[in-house]
Amino acid sequence: MLKKIMSVLRSAPFFGKEQTESPEVQELRAAAERGVAEAQYNLGVAYIKGDGVARHYGEAVKWYRLAAQQGFEKAKTALNDFYPPLRGY
């Protein structure tokens, strides 16, 4: 029974299987690594949606943060939306 459960878990995309990047995401990554804020934001969106790349929220926040540091407003908004507001804590 345990072997069957582990087999199912290993076959799931989030458990040990890496999705390859689409050509569009590879182009975005190249531009983002050159420091293009809009590309950094769009790469973050791709990671959030899992569009052309495996979904990864940590990577999305990383790219949003880099774009926001350059003053890209959509990235600032995305970061604000990503984290819950602090309510008296």
Protein backbone atom coordinates (compact mmCIF):
# COMPACT_ATOMS: atom_id res chain seq x y z
CA MET A 1 0.00 0.00 0.00
CA LEU A 2 2.77 2.44 0.92
CA LYS A 3 4.62 1.66 -2.31
CA LYS A 4 1.51 2.50 -4.30
CA ILE A 5 1.08 5.84 -2.50
CA MET A 6 4.73 6.75 -3.04
CA SER A 7 4.44 5.84 -6.72
CA VAL A 8 1.49 8.20 -7.11
CA LEU A 9 3.32 10.99 -5.29
CA ARG A 10 6.42 10.58 -7.46
CA SER A 11 4.33 10.83 -10.61
CA ALA A 12 2.81 14.15 -9.52
CA PRO A 13 4.43 17.22 -11.14
CA PHE A 14 5.25 18.83 -7.77
CA PHE A 15 7.15 15.84 -6.42
CA GLY A 16 10.49 15.31 -8.11
CA LYS A 17 9.59 16.15 -11.71
CA GLU A 18 10.88 19.33 -13.29
CA GLN A 19 8.94 21.01 -16.07
CA THR A 20 11.08 22.41 -18.86
CA GLU A 21 10.78 26.07 -19.77
CA SER A 22 8.97 27.08 -22.92
CA PRO A 23 10.90 29.12 -25.51
CA GLU A 24 8.87 32.20 -24.55
CA VAL A 25 9.91 31.84 -20.91
CA GLN A 26 13.53 31.36 -21.96
CA GLU A 27 13.38 34.68 -23.82
CA LEU A 28 11.76 36.35 -20.81
CA ARG A 29 14.43 34.95 -18.51
CA ALA A 30 17.22 36.26 -20.75
CA ALA A 31 15.72 39.76 -20.72
CA ALA A 32 14.98 39.58 -16.98
CA GLU A 33 18.57 38.60 -16.22
CA ARG A 34 19.71 41.63 -18.24
CA GLY A 35 17.67 43.77 -15.84
CA VAL A 36 14.59 44.61 -17.91
CA ALA A 37 11.93 45.38 -15.28
CA GLU A 38 8.93 44.48 -17.44
CA ALA A 39 10.50 41.10 -18.29
CA GLN A 40 11.20 40.49 -14.60
CA TYR A 41 7.55 41.19 -13.79
CA ASN A 42 6.29 38.99 -16.63
CA LEU A 43 8.58 36.16 -15.54
CA GLY A 44 7.07 36.47 -12.07
CA VAL A 45 3.60 36.22 -13.59
CA ALA A 46 4.66 33.09 -15.50
CA TYR A 47 5.84 31.49 -12.25
CA ILE A 48 2.58 32.37 -10.47
CA LYS A 49 0.42 30.94 -13.24
CA GLY A 50 2.70 28.04 -14.14
CA ASP A 51 2.56 29.27 -17.72
CA GLY A 52 5.47 27.77 -19.66
CA VAL A 53 7.32 26.93 -16.46
CA ALA A 54 6.67 24.96 -13.27
CA ARG A 55 4.64 26.97 -10.74
CA HIS A 56 6.95 28.35 -8.05
CA TYR A 57 5.82 31.16 -5.76
CA GLY A 58 9.29 31.83 -4.34
CA GLU A 59 10.71 32.47 -7.81
CA ALA A 60 7.72 34.67 -8.63
CA VAL A 61 8.35 36.85 -5.58
CA LYS A 62 12.06 37.05 -6.42
CA TRP A 63 11.33 38.42 -9.91
CA TYR A 64 8.55 40.72 -8.68
CA ARG A 65 10.91 42.15 -6.09
CA LEU A 66 13.64 42.85 -8.67
CA ALA A 67 11.16 44.65 -10.90
CA ALA A 68 9.69 46.59 -7.98
CA GLN A 69 13.14 47.77 -6.91
CA GLN A 70 13.41 49.43 -10.31
CA GLY A 71 10.11 51.23 -9.73
CA PHE A 72 7.89 49.04 -11.92
CA GLU A 73 4.41 49.77 -10.53
CA LYS A 74 2.73 46.51 -11.57
CA ALA A 75 5.39 44.58 -9.66
CA LYS A 76 4.84 46.70 -6.55
CA THR A 77 1.11 46.03 -6.78
CA ALA A 78 1.70 42.31 -7.31
CA LEU A 79 3.89 42.14 -4.20
CA ASN A 80 1.27 44.00 -2.16
CA ASP A 81 -1.40 41.60 -3.39
CA PHE A 82 0.78 38.57 -2.72
CA TYR A 83 1.32 39.25 0.97
CA PRO A 84 -1.68 39.53 3.30
CA PRO A 85 -2.10 42.92 4.95
CA LEU A 86 -0.93 43.23 8.53
CA ARG A 87 -3.91 43.95 10.75
CA GLY A 88 -2.69 45.05 14.12
CA TYR A 89 -0.05 42.35 14.54
